[in-house]
Amino acid sequence: MAEKYPAINGRRTADSDWPSLIERAVDDLSRIVQSEAQIFQTRLSAAIELRISSAMIVLAAVGVIVTGALCLLCAAIFLLHQWLPWWQAFGIAGGALVLVGIVCYATMRPRSEVRA
């Protein structure tokens, strides 16, 4: 038995067929969701690439700074060794580094911890 569609101006329309309407709505909705997911993935990958590149720049800068600090430390030790034995030169340099570390730690703490 053939299905009967409502007639508009004497013609039957399949647009009012509920299963096909629901199928098209679900298909359109799935396409929209897929498009939004692709846009989100593109934006997220671009943001991650930007963060990774900036992190690599910071890491390279920190590496250069650490290398420079080690060179300065070695130079200070060699300078002190001209007048003192090795163990005293290393001791003075180590003590100076510990003192600098304590001062840096104290200045970098939040003000709320300092007042309390």
PDB file of N, CA and C in Angstrom:
ATOM      1  N   MET A   1       0.833  -1.158   0.000  1.00  0.00           N
ATOM      2  CA  MET A   1       0.000   0.000   0.000  1.00  0.00           C
ATOM      3  C   MET A   1       0.893   1.242   0.000  1.00  0.00           C
ATOM      4  N   ALA A   2       0.647   2.135  -0.863  1.00  0.00           N
ATOM      5  CA  ALA A   2       1.461   3.328  -1.018  1.00  0.00           C
ATOM      6  C   ALA A   2       1.106   4.342   0.063  1.00  0.00           C
ATOM      7  N   GLU A   3       2.145   5.071   0.519  1.00  0.00           N
ATOM      8  CA  GLU A   3       1.906   6.088   1.526  1.00  0.00           C
ATOM      9  C   GLU A   3       1.270   7.308   0.870  1.00  0.00           C
ATOM     10  N   LYS A   4       0.455   7.969   1.643  1.00  0.00           N
ATOM     11  CA  LYS A   4      -0.211   9.146   1.127  1.00  0.00           C
ATOM     12  C   LYS A   4       0.464  10.379   1.701  1.00  0.00           C
ATOM     13  N   TYR A   5       0.852  11.271   0.817  1.00  0.00           N
ATOM     14  CA  TYR A   5       1.439  12.539   1.235  1.00  0.00           C
ATOM     15  C   TYR A   5       0.399  13.614   1.101  1.00  0.00           C
ATOM     16  N   PRO A   6       0.432  14.616   1.965  1.00  0.00           N
ATOM     17  CA  PRO A   6      -0.540  15.701   1.817  1.00  0.00           C
ATOM     18  C   PRO A   6      -0.311  16.446   0.510  1.00  0.00           C
ATOM     19  N   ALA A   7      -1.340  16.868  -0.064  1.00  0.00           N
ATOM     20  CA  ALA A   7      -1.257  17.544  -1.353  1.00  0.00           C
ATOM     21  C   ALA A   7      -1.263  19.051  -1.150  1.00  0.00           C
ATOM     22  N   ILE A   8      -0.331  19.706  -1.844  1.00  0.00           N
ATOM     23  CA  ILE A   8      -0.305  21.163  -1.872  1.00  0.00           C
ATOM     24  C   ILE A   8      -0.452  21.557  -3.329  1.00  0.00           C
ATOM     25  N   ASN A   9      -1.495  22.297  -3.624  1.00  0.00           N
ATOM     26  CA  ASN A   9      -1.816  22.692  -4.993  1.00  0.00           C
ATOM     27  C   ASN A   9      -1.912  21.484  -5.909  1.00  0.00           C
ATOM     28  N   GLY A  10      -2.439  20.399  -5.395  1.00  0.00           N
ATOM     29  CA  GLY A  10      -2.659  19.231  -6.222  1.00  0.00           C
ATOM     30  C   GLY A  10      -1.437  18.333  -6.360  1.00  0.00           C
ATOM     31  N   ARG A  11      -0.284  18.690  -5.731  1.00  0.00           N
ATOM     32  CA  ARG A  11       0.904  17.839  -5.813  1.00  0.00           C
ATOM     33  C   ARG A  11       1.225  17.296  -4.437  1.00  0.00           C
ATOM     34  N   ARG A  12       1.728  16.061  -4.410  1.00  0.00           N
ATOM     35  CA  ARG A  12       2.148  15.477  -3.147  1.00  0.00           C
ATOM     36  C   ARG A  12       3.561  15.955  -2.822  1.00  0.00           C
ATOM     37  N   THR A  13       3.830  16.250  -1.573  1.00  0.00           N
ATOM     38  CA  THR A  13       5.159  16.698  -1.178  1.00  0.00           C
ATOM     39  C   THR A  13       5.775  15.690  -0.224  1.00  0.00           C
ATOM     40  N   ALA A  14       7.009  15.364  -0.496  1.00  0.00           N
ATOM     41  CA  ALA A  14       7.730  14.441   0.371  1.00  0.00           C
ATOM     42  C   ALA A  14       8.383  15.188   1.536  1.00  0.00           C
ATOM     43  N   ASP A  15       8.369  16.545   1.493  1.00  0.00           N
ATOM     44  CA  ASP A  15       8.990  17.316   2.564  1.00  0.00           C
ATOM     45  C   ASP A  15       8.269  17.134   3.887  1.00  0.00           C
ATOM     46  N   SER A  16       7.024  16.819   3.827  1.00  0.00           N
ATOM     47  CA  SER A  16       6.277  16.661   5.064  1.00  0.00           C
ATOM     48  C   SER A  16       6.375  15.240   5.602  1.00  0.00           C
ATOM     49  N   ASP A  17       7.202  14.427   4.981  1.00  0.00           N
ATOM     50  CA  ASP A  17       7.443  13.076   5.466  1.00  0.00           C
ATOM     51  C   ASP A  17       8.360  13.166   6.681  1.00  0.00           C
ATOM     52  N   TRP A  18       7.858  12.871   7.873  1.00  0.00           N
ATOM     53  CA  TRP A  18       8.596  13.059   9.121  1.00  0.00           C
ATOM     54  C   TRP A  18       9.909  12.291   9.179  1.00  0.00           C
ATOM     55  N   PRO A  19       9.971  11.028   8.790  1.00  0.00           N
ATOM     56  CA  PRO A  19      11.275  10.341   8.863  1.00  0.00           C
ATOM     57  C   PRO A  19      12.350  11.001   8.007  1.00  0.00           C
ATOM     58  N   SER A  20      12.006  11.463   6.820  1.00  0.00           N
ATOM     59  CA  SER A  20      13.014  12.112   5.983  1.00  0.00           C
ATOM     60  C   SER A  20      13.403  13.475   6.549  1.00  0.00           C
ATOM     61  N   LEU A  21      12.418  14.198   7.151  1.00  0.00           N
ATOM     62  CA  LEU A  21      12.734  15.470   7.780  1.00  0.00           C
ATOM     63  C   LEU A  21      13.685  15.284   8.964  1.00  0.00           C
ATOM     64  N   ILE A  22      13.418  14.290   9.782  1.00  0.00           N
ATOM     65  CA  ILE A  22      14.281  14.012  10.936  1.00  0.00           C
ATOM     66  C   ILE A  22      15.663  13.574  10.465  1.00  0.00           C
ATOM     67  N   GLU A  23      15.702  12.765   9.424  1.00  0.00           N
ATOM     68  CA  GLU A  23      16.996  12.307   8.880  1.00  0.00           C
ATOM     69  C   GLU A  23      17.829  13.496   8.391  1.00  0.00           C
ATOM     70  N   ARG A  24      17.204  14.413   7.670  1.00  0.00           N
ATOM     71  CA  ARG A  24      17.938  15.587   7.179  1.00  0.00           C
ATOM     72  C   ARG A  24      18.376  16.499   8.329  1.00  0.00           C
ATOM     73  N   ALA A  25      17.521  16.636   9.355  1.00  0.00           N
ATOM     74  CA  ALA A  25      17.877  17.472  10.503  1.00  0.00           C
ATOM     75  C   ALA A  25      19.068  16.884  11.243  1.00  0.00           C
ATOM     76  N   VAL A  26      19.048  15.573  11.439  1.00  0.00           N
ATOM     77  CA  VAL A  26      20.174  14.911  12.111  1.00  0.00           C
ATOM     78  C   VAL A  26      21.431  15.001  11.258  1.00  0.00           C
ATOM     79  N   ASP A  27      21.297  14.838   9.958  1.00  0.00           N
ATOM     80  CA  ASP A  27      22.446  14.941   9.058  1.00  0.00           C
ATOM     81  C   ASP A  27      23.034  16.352   9.087  1.00  0.00           C
ATOM     82  N   ASP A  28      22.164  17.369   9.044  1.00  0.00           N
ATOM     83  CA  ASP A  28      22.645  18.746   9.114  1.00  0.00           C
ATOM     84  C   ASP A  28      23.321  19.032  10.455  1.00  0.00           C
ATOM     85  N   LEU A  29      22.725  18.543  11.531  1.00  0.00           N
ATOM     86  CA  LEU A  29      23.296  18.741  12.857  1.00  0.00           C
ATOM     87  C   LEU A  29      24.660  18.062  12.972  1.00  0.00           C
ATOM     88  N   SER A  30      24.789  16.857  12.432  1.00  0.00           N
ATOM     89  CA  SER A  30      26.086  16.169  12.500  1.00  0.00           C
ATOM     90  C   SER A  30      27.143  16.895  11.663  1.00  0.00           C
ATOM     91  N   ARG A  31      26.750  17.467  10.549  1.00  0.00           N
ATOM     92  CA  ARG A  31      27.703  18.251   9.747  1.00  0.00           C
ATOM     93  C   ARG A  31      28.149  19.500  10.487  1.00  0.00           C
ATOM     94  N   ILE A  32      27.214  20.153  11.170  1.00  0.00           N
ATOM     95  CA  ILE A  32      27.560  21.349  11.946  1.00  0.00           C
ATOM     96  C   ILE A  32      28.519  20.979  13.071  1.00  0.00           C
ATOM     97  N   VAL A  33      28.241  19.896  13.769  1.00  0.00           N
ATOM     98  CA  VAL A  33      29.111  19.464  14.867  1.00  0.00           C
ATOM     99  C   VAL A  33      30.496  19.104  14.340  1.00  0.00           C
ATOM    100  N   GLN A  34      30.560  18.414  13.201  1.00  0.00           N
ATOM    101  CA  GLN A  34      31.850  18.067  12.610  1.00  0.00           C
ATOM    102  C   GLN A  34      32.626  19.321  12.217  1.00  0.00           C
ATOM    103  N   SER A  35      31.936  20.291  11.639  1.00  0.00           N
ATOM    104  CA  SER A  35      32.611  21.542  11.252  1.00  0.00           C
ATOM    105  C   SER A  35      33.134  22.288  12.472  1.00  0.00           C
ATOM    106  N   GLU A  36      32.344  22.356  13.523  1.00  0.00           N
ATOM    107  CA  GLU A  36      32.788  23.022  14.747  1.00  0.00           C
ATOM    108  C   GLU A  36      33.967  22.290  15.374  1.00  0.00           C
ATOM    109  N   ALA A  37      33.938  20.967  15.330  1.00  0.00           N
ATOM    110  CA  ALA A  37      35.058  20.188  15.873  1.00  0.00           C
ATOM    111  C   ALA A  37      36.332  20.437  15.077  1.00  0.00           C
ATOM    112  N   GLN A  38      36.228  20.548  13.768  1.00  0.00           N
ATOM    113  CA  GLN A  38      37.400  20.834  12.943  1.00  0.00           C
ATOM    114  C   GLN A  38      37.930  22.230  13.216  1.00  0.00           C
ATOM    115  N   ILE A  39      37.038  23.208  13.377  1.00  0.00           N
ATOM    116  CA  ILE A  39      37.469  24.571  13.695  1.00  0.00           C
ATOM    117  C   ILE A  39      38.164  24.601  15.049  1.00  0.00           C
ATOM    118  N   PHE A  40      37.594  23.912  16.045  1.00  0.00           N
ATOM    119  CA  PHE A  40      38.199  23.845  17.372  1.00  0.00           C
ATOM    120  C   PHE A  40      39.574  23.185  17.315  1.00  0.00           C
ATOM    121  N   GLN A  41      39.683  22.103  16.565  1.00  0.00           N
ATOM    122  CA  GLN A  41      40.962  21.403  16.443  1.00  0.00           C
ATOM    123  C   GLN A  41      42.012  22.298  15.789  1.00  0.00           C
ATOM    124  N   THR A  42      41.618  23.033  14.771  1.00  0.00           N
ATOM    125  CA  THR A  42      42.553  23.929  14.089  1.00  0.00           C
ATOM    126  C   THR A  42      43.029  25.031  15.028  1.00  0.00           C
ATOM    127  N   ARG A  43      42.111  25.645  15.754  1.00  0.00           N
ATOM    128  CA  ARG A  43      42.482  26.708  16.680  1.00  0.00           C
ATOM    129  C   ARG A  43      43.327  26.176  17.826  1.00  0.00           C
ATOM    130  N   LEU A  44      42.975  25.001  18.329  1.00  0.00           N
ATOM    131  CA  LEU A  44      43.722  24.424  19.437  1.00  0.00           C
ATOM    132  C   LEU A  44      45.135  24.052  19.009  1.00  0.00           C
ATOM    133  N   SER A  45      45.286  23.485  17.825  1.00  0.00           N
ATOM    134  CA  SER A  45      46.626  23.126  17.364  1.00  0.00           C
ATOM    135  C   SER A  45      47.474  24.370  17.130  1.00  0.00           C
ATOM    136  N   ALA A  46      46.867  25.436  16.635  1.00  0.00           N
ATOM    137  CA  ALA A  46      47.616  26.682  16.444  1.00  0.00           C
ATOM    138  C   ALA A  46      48.045  27.263  17.787  1.00  0.00           C
ATOM    139  N   ALA A  47      47.167  27.221  18.780  1.00  0.00           N
ATOM    140  CA  ALA A  47      47.514  27.736  20.106  1.00  0.00           C
ATOM    141  C   ALA A  47      48.608  26.890  20.757  1.00  0.00           C
ATOM    142  N   ILE A  48      48.535  25.591  20.594  1.00  0.00           N
ATOM    143  CA  ILE A  48      49.559  24.712  21.162  1.00  0.00           C
ATOM    144  C   ILE A  48      50.901  24.949  20.485  1.00  0.00           C
ATOM    145  N   GLU A  49      50.906  25.098  19.170  1.00  0.00           N
ATOM    146  CA  GLU A  49      52.159  25.375  18.458  1.00  0.00           C
ATOM    147  C   GLU A  49      52.774  26.689  18.917  1.00  0.00           C
ATOM    148  N   LEU A  50      51.944  27.700  19.153  1.00  0.00           N
ATOM    149  CA  LEU A  50      52.438  28.991  19.631  1.00  0.00           C
ATOM    150  C   LEU A  50      53.044  28.852  21.021  1.00  0.00           C
ATOM    151  N   ARG A  51      52.380  28.122  21.904  1.00  0.00           N
ATOM    152  CA  ARG A  51      52.912  27.913  23.258  1.00  0.00           C
ATOM    153  C   ARG A  51      54.209  27.123  23.240  1.00  0.00           C
ATOM    154  N   ILE A  52      54.280  26.118  22.395  1.00  0.00           N
ATOM    155  CA  ILE A  52      55.495  25.312  22.314  1.00  0.00           C
ATOM    156  C   ILE A  52      56.656  26.145  21.789  1.00  0.00           C
ATOM    157  N   SER A  53      56.397  26.962  20.781  1.00  0.00           N
ATOM    158  CA  SER A  53      57.485  27.780  20.242  1.00  0.00           C
ATOM    159  C   SER A  53      57.958  28.815  21.258  1.00  0.00           C
ATOM    160  N   SER A  54      57.029  29.415  22.002  1.00  0.00           N
ATOM    161  CA  SER A  54      57.456  30.381  23.026  1.00  0.00           C
ATOM    162  C   SER A  54      58.170  29.679  24.170  1.00  0.00           C
ATOM    163  N   ALA A  55      57.745  28.461  24.511  1.00  0.00           N
ATOM    164  CA  ALA A  55      58.442  27.705  25.558  1.00  0.00           C
ATOM    165  C   ALA A  55      59.845  27.327  25.115  1.00  0.00           C
ATOM    166  N   MET A  56      60.016  27.004  23.855  1.00  0.00           N
ATOM    167  CA  MET A  56      61.350  26.662  23.352  1.00  0.00           C
ATOM    168  C   MET A  56      62.268  27.885  23.382  1.00  0.00           C
ATOM    169  N   ILE A  57      61.728  29.055  23.081  1.00  0.00           N
ATOM    170  CA  ILE A  57      62.525  30.288  23.134  1.00  0.00           C
ATOM    171  C   ILE A  57      62.955  30.570  24.570  1.00  0.00           C
ATOM    172  N   VAL A  58      62.026  30.418  25.516  1.00  0.00           N
ATOM    173  CA  VAL A  58      62.356  30.640  26.925  1.00  0.00           C
ATOM    174  C   VAL A  58      63.385  29.617  27.394  1.00  0.00           C
ATOM    175  N   LEU A  59      63.218  28.374  26.995  1.00  0.00           N
ATOM    176  CA  LEU A  59      64.165  27.327  27.382  1.00  0.00           C
ATOM    177  C   LEU A  59      65.557  27.605  26.828  1.00  0.00           C
ATOM    178  N   ALA A  60      65.635  28.064  25.600  1.00  0.00           N
ATOM    179  CA  ALA A  60      66.935  28.408  25.015  1.00  0.00           C
ATOM    180  C   ALA A  60      67.565  29.583  25.754  1.00  0.00           C
ATOM    181  N   ALA A  61      66.756  30.584  26.098  1.00  0.00           N
ATOM    182  CA  ALA A  61      67.278  31.740  26.834  1.00  0.00           C
ATOM    183  C   ALA A  61      67.780  31.331  28.211  1.00  0.00           C
ATOM    184  N   VAL A  62      67.044  30.464  28.886  1.00  0.00           N
ATOM    185  CA  VAL A  62      67.483  29.993  30.207  1.00  0.00           C
ATOM    186  C   VAL A  62      68.776  29.193  30.077  1.00  0.00           C
ATOM    187  N   GLY A  63      68.888  28.386  29.040  1.00  0.00           N
ATOM    188  CA  GLY A  63      70.129  27.635  28.819  1.00  0.00           C
ATOM    189  C   GLY A  63      71.327  28.545  28.609  1.00  0.00           C
ATOM    190  N   VAL A  64      71.128  29.588  27.839  1.00  0.00           N
ATOM    191  CA  VAL A  64      72.217  30.543  27.598  1.00  0.00           C
ATOM    192  C   VAL A  64      72.584  31.268  28.889  1.00  0.00           C
ATOM    193  N   ILE A  65      71.593  31.651  29.674  1.00  0.00           N
ATOM    194  CA  ILE A  65      71.857  32.349  30.933  1.00  0.00           C
ATOM    195  C   ILE A  65      72.597  31.439  31.908  1.00  0.00           C
ATOM    196  N   VAL A  66      72.175  30.185  32.008  1.00  0.00           N
ATOM    197  CA  VAL A  66      72.843  29.239  32.914  1.00  0.00           C
ATOM    198  C   VAL A  66      74.280  29.005  32.474  1.00  0.00           C
ATOM    199  N   THR A  67      74.498  28.861  31.181  1.00  0.00           N
ATOM    200  CA  THR A  67      75.857  28.668  30.678  1.00  0.00           C
ATOM    201  C   THR A  67      76.720  29.884  30.987  1.00  0.00           C
ATOM    202  N   GLY A  68      76.204  31.063  30.788  1.00  0.00           N
ATOM    203  CA  GLY A  68      76.934  32.290  31.106  1.00  0.00           C
ATOM    204  C   GLY A  68      77.238  32.395  32.591  1.00  0.00           C
ATOM    205  N   ALA A  69      76.280  32.015  33.422  1.00  0.00           N
ATOM    206  CA  ALA A  69      76.503  32.065  34.870  1.00  0.00           C
ATOM    207  C   ALA A  69      77.582  31.073  35.289  1.00  0.00           C
ATOM    208  N   LEU A  70      77.582  29.900  34.685  1.00  0.00           N
ATOM    209  CA  LEU A  70      78.636  28.920  34.989  1.00  0.00           C
ATOM    210  C   LEU A  70      80.006  29.433  34.556  1.00  0.00           C
ATOM    211  N   CYS A  71      80.071  30.072  33.415  1.00  0.00           N
ATOM    212  CA  CYS A  71      81.350  30.632  32.956  1.00  0.00           C
ATOM    213  C   CYS A  71      81.842  31.721  33.910  1.00  0.00           C
ATOM    214  N   LEU A  72      80.929  32.582  34.356  1.00  0.00           N
ATOM    215  CA  LEU A  72      81.308  33.619  35.318  1.00  0.00           C
ATOM    216  C   LEU A  72      81.749  33.006  36.649  1.00  0.00           C
ATOM    217  N   LEU A  73      81.066  31.949  37.075  1.00  0.00           N
ATOM    218  CA  LEU A  73      81.459  31.272  38.306  1.00  0.00           C
ATOM    219  C   LEU A  73      82.851  30.664  38.187  1.00  0.00           C
ATOM    220  N   CYS A  74      83.114  30.008  37.066  1.00  0.00           N
ATOM    221  CA  CYS A  74      84.450  29.433  36.847  1.00  0.00           C
ATOM    222  C   CYS A  74      85.518  30.521  36.797  1.00  0.00           C
ATOM    223  N   ALA A  75      85.192  31.634  36.155  1.00  0.00           N
ATOM    224  CA  ALA A  75      86.155  32.730  36.091  1.00  0.00           C
ATOM    225  C   ALA A  75      86.437  33.278  37.486  1.00  0.00           C
ATOM    226  N   ALA A  76      85.411  33.414  38.322  1.00  0.00           N
ATOM    227  CA  ALA A  76      85.613  33.897  39.682  1.00  0.00           C
ATOM    228  C   ALA A  76      86.455  32.915  40.492  1.00  0.00           C
ATOM    229  N   ILE A  77      86.215  31.630  40.311  1.00  0.00           N
ATOM    230  CA  ILE A  77      87.002  30.618  41.031  1.00  0.00           C
ATOM    231  C   ILE A  77      88.458  30.665  40.595  1.00  0.00           C
ATOM    232  N   PHE A  78      88.694  30.756  39.286  1.00  0.00           N
ATOM    233  CA  PHE A  78      90.080  30.831  38.812  1.00  0.00           C
ATOM    234  C   PHE A  78      90.767  32.109  39.291  1.00  0.00           C
ATOM    235  N   LEU A  79      90.023  33.200  39.359  1.00  0.00           N
ATOM    236  CA  LEU A  79      90.592  34.446  39.864  1.00  0.00           C
ATOM    237  C   LEU A  79      90.963  34.302  41.343  1.00  0.00           C
ATOM    238  N   LEU A  80      90.071  33.718  42.131  1.00  0.00           N
ATOM    239  CA  LEU A  80      90.366  33.516  43.545  1.00  0.00           C
ATOM    240  C   LEU A  80      91.516  32.529  43.746  1.00  0.00           C
ATOM    241  N   HIS A  81      91.667  31.582  42.841  1.00  0.00           N
ATOM    242  CA  HIS A  81      92.721  30.579  42.988  1.00  0.00           C
ATOM    243  C   HIS A  81      94.112  31.189  42.822  1.00  0.00           C
ATOM    244  N   GLN A  82      94.215  32.344  42.223  1.00  0.00           N
ATOM    245  CA  GLN A  82      95.530  32.978  42.109  1.00  0.00           C
ATOM    246  C   GLN A  82      96.072  33.345  43.480  1.00  0.00           C
ATOM    247  N   TRP A  83      95.198  33.601  44.453  1.00  0.00           N
ATOM    248  CA  TRP A  83      95.646  33.997  45.780  1.00  0.00           C
ATOM    249  C   TRP A  83      95.361  32.942  46.842  1.00  0.00           C
ATOM    250  N   LEU A  84      94.395  32.041  46.581  1.00  0.00           N
ATOM    251  CA  LEU A  84      93.960  31.059  47.573  1.00  0.00           C
ATOM    252  C   LEU A  84      94.070  29.650  47.006  1.00  0.00           C
ATOM    253  N   PRO A  85      94.100  28.621  47.854  1.00  0.00           N
ATOM    254  CA  PRO A  85      94.037  27.242  47.362  1.00  0.00           C
ATOM    255  C   PRO A  85      92.651  26.962  46.751  1.00  0.00           C
ATOM    256  N   TRP A  86      92.573  25.864  45.976  1.00  0.00           N
ATOM    257  CA  TRP A  86      91.347  25.524  45.268  1.00  0.00           C
ATOM    258  C   TRP A  86      90.152  25.420  46.216  1.00  0.00           C
ATOM    259  N   TRP A  87      90.333  24.734  47.353  1.00  0.00           N
ATOM    260  CA  TRP A  87      89.191  24.497  48.229  1.00  0.00           C
ATOM    261  C   TRP A  87      88.644  25.802  48.781  1.00  0.00           C
ATOM    262  N   GLN A  88      89.488  26.751  49.048  1.00  0.00           N
ATOM    263  CA  GLN A  88      89.007  28.039  49.545  1.00  0.00           C
ATOM    264  C   GLN A  88      88.308  28.827  48.434  1.00  0.00           C
ATOM    265  N   ALA A  89      88.825  28.746  47.223  1.00  0.00           N
ATOM    266  CA  ALA A  89      88.205  29.446  46.101  1.00  0.00           C
ATOM    267  C   ALA A  89      86.801  28.897  45.832  1.00  0.00           C
ATOM    268  N   PHE A  90      86.689  27.555  45.841  1.00  0.00           N
ATOM    269  CA  PHE A  90      85.375  26.944  45.641  1.00  0.00           C
ATOM    270  C   PHE A  90      84.441  27.248  46.805  1.00  0.00           C
ATOM    271  N   GLY A  91      84.963  27.274  48.007  1.00  0.00           N
ATOM    272  CA  GLY A  91      84.138  27.578  49.180  1.00  0.00           C
ATOM    273  C   GLY A  91      83.586  28.985  49.146  1.00  0.00           C
ATOM    274  N   ILE A  92      84.423  29.938  48.787  1.00  0.00           N
ATOM    275  CA  ILE A  92      83.955  31.325  48.699  1.00  0.00           C
ATOM    276  C   ILE A  92      82.911  31.478  47.597  1.00  0.00           C
ATOM    277  N   ALA A  93      83.154  30.864  46.436  1.00  0.00           N
ATOM    278  CA  ALA A  93      82.186  30.949  45.331  1.00  0.00           C
ATOM    279  C   ALA A  93      80.872  30.270  45.705  1.00  0.00           C
ATOM    280  N   GLY A  94      80.934  29.098  46.346  1.00  0.00           N
ATOM    281  CA  GLY A  94      79.718  28.403  46.780  1.00  0.00           C
ATOM    282  C   GLY A  94      78.946  29.198  47.804  1.00  0.00           C
ATOM    283  N   GLY A  95      79.656  29.779  48.768  1.00  0.00           N
ATOM    284  CA  GLY A  95      78.991  30.609  49.773  1.00  0.00           C
ATOM    285  C   GLY A  95      78.307  31.819  49.155  1.00  0.00           C
ATOM    286  N   ALA A  96      78.983  32.433  48.178  1.00  0.00           N
ATOM    287  CA  ALA A  96      78.375  33.578  47.493  1.00  0.00           C
ATOM    288  C   ALA A  96      77.113  33.158  46.745  1.00  0.00           C
ATOM    289  N   LEU A  97      77.142  31.984  46.100  1.00  0.00           N
ATOM    290  CA  LEU A  97      75.956  31.505  45.379  1.00  0.00           C
ATOM    291  C   LEU A  97      74.808  31.206  46.338  1.00  0.00           C
ATOM    292  N   VAL A  98      75.097  30.612  47.480  1.00  0.00           N
ATOM    293  CA  VAL A  98      74.055  30.331  48.468  1.00  0.00           C
ATOM    294  C   VAL A  98      73.449  31.646  48.963  1.00  0.00           C
ATOM    295  N   LEU A  99      74.282  32.638  49.218  1.00  0.00           N
ATOM    296  CA  LEU A  99      73.794  33.936  49.667  1.00  0.00           C
ATOM    297  C   LEU A  99      72.907  34.592  48.610  1.00  0.00           C
ATOM    298  N   VAL A 100      73.334  34.536  47.355  1.00  0.00           N
ATOM    299  CA  VAL A 100      72.521  35.096  46.267  1.00  0.00           C
ATOM    300  C   VAL A 100      71.191  34.349  46.154  1.00  0.00           C
ATOM    301  N   GLY A 101      71.217  33.024  46.305  1.00  0.00           N
ATOM    302  CA  GLY A 101      69.982  32.238  46.253  1.00  0.00           C
ATOM    303  C   GLY A 101      69.020  32.601  47.361  1.00  0.00           C
ATOM    304  N   ILE A 102      69.529  32.810  48.569  1.00  0.00           N
ATOM    305  CA  ILE A 102      68.666  33.196  49.691  1.00  0.00           C
ATOM    306  C   ILE A 102      68.054  34.574  49.448  1.00  0.00           C
ATOM    307  N   VAL A 103      68.846  35.489  48.960  1.00  0.00           N
ATOM    308  CA  VAL A 103      68.332  36.829  48.687  1.00  0.00           C
ATOM    309  C   VAL A 103      67.267  36.783  47.589  1.00  0.00           C
ATOM    310  N   CYS A 104      67.515  36.013  46.541  1.00  0.00           N
ATOM    311  CA  CYS A 104      66.527  35.889  45.454  1.00  0.00           C
ATOM    312  C   CYS A 104      65.239  35.256  45.955  1.00  0.00           C
ATOM    313  N   TYR A 105      65.355  34.229  46.788  1.00  0.00           N
ATOM    314  CA  TYR A 105      64.171  33.565  47.324  1.00  0.00           C
ATOM    315  C   TYR A 105      63.369  34.518  48.199  1.00  0.00           C
ATOM    316  N   ALA A 106      64.069  35.303  48.997  1.00  0.00           N
ATOM    317  CA  ALA A 106      63.379  36.234  49.887  1.00  0.00           C
ATOM    318  C   ALA A 106      62.671  37.334  49.105  1.00  0.00           C
ATOM    319  N   THR A 107      63.253  37.791  48.027  1.00  0.00           N
ATOM    320  CA  THR A 107      62.620  38.863  47.251  1.00  0.00           C
ATOM    321  C   THR A 107      61.501  38.350  46.353  1.00  0.00           C
ATOM    322  N   MET A 108      61.500  37.078  46.022  1.00  0.00           N
ATOM    323  CA  MET A 108      60.490  36.544  45.110  1.00  0.00           C
ATOM    324  C   MET A 108      59.265  36.011  45.839  1.00  0.00           C
ATOM    325  N   ARG A 109      59.307  35.891  47.157  1.00  0.00           N
ATOM    326  CA  ARG A 109      58.138  35.429  47.895  1.00  0.00           C
ATOM    327  C   ARG A 109      57.021  36.454  47.799  1.00  0.00           C
ATOM    328  N   PRO A 110      55.762  35.996  47.798  1.00  0.00           N
ATOM    329  CA  PRO A 110      54.641  36.952  47.799  1.00  0.00           C
ATOM    330  C   PRO A 110      54.667  37.815  49.057  1.00  0.00           C
ATOM    331  N   ARG A 111      54.145  39.012  48.946  1.00  0.00           N
ATOM    332  CA  ARG A 111      54.185  39.957  50.065  1.00  0.00           C
ATOM    333  C   ARG A 111      53.367  39.460  51.252  1.00  0.00           C
ATOM    334  N   SER A 112      52.334  38.664  51.017  1.00  0.00           N
ATOM    335  CA  SER A 112      51.520  38.172  52.117  1.00  0.00           C
ATOM    336  C   SER A 112      52.318  37.245  53.022  1.00  0.00           C
ATOM    337  N   GLU A 113      53.227  36.445  52.463  1.00  0.00           N
ATOM    338  CA  GLU A 113      54.072  35.573  53.262  1.00  0.00           C
ATOM    339  C   GLU A 113      55.098  36.374  54.031  1.00  0.00           C
ATOM    340  N   VAL A 114      55.581  37.459  53.476  1.00  0.00           N
ATOM    341  CA  VAL A 114      56.603  38.270  54.128  1.00  0.00           C
ATOM    342  C   VAL A 114      56.009  38.971  55.337  1.00  0.00           C
ATOM    343  N   ARG A 115      54.791  39.503  55.221  1.00  0.00           N
ATOM    344  CA  ARG A 115      54.155  40.232  56.323  1.00  0.00           C
ATOM    345  C   ARG A 115      53.735  39.317  57.452  1.00  0.00           C
ATOM    346  N   ALA A 116      53.342  38.094  57.116  1.00  0.00           N
ATOM    347  CA  ALA A 116      52.863  37.159  58.143  1.00  0.00           C
ATOM    348  C   ALA A 116      54.017  36.617  58.903  1.00  0.00           C
TER     349      ALA A 116
END
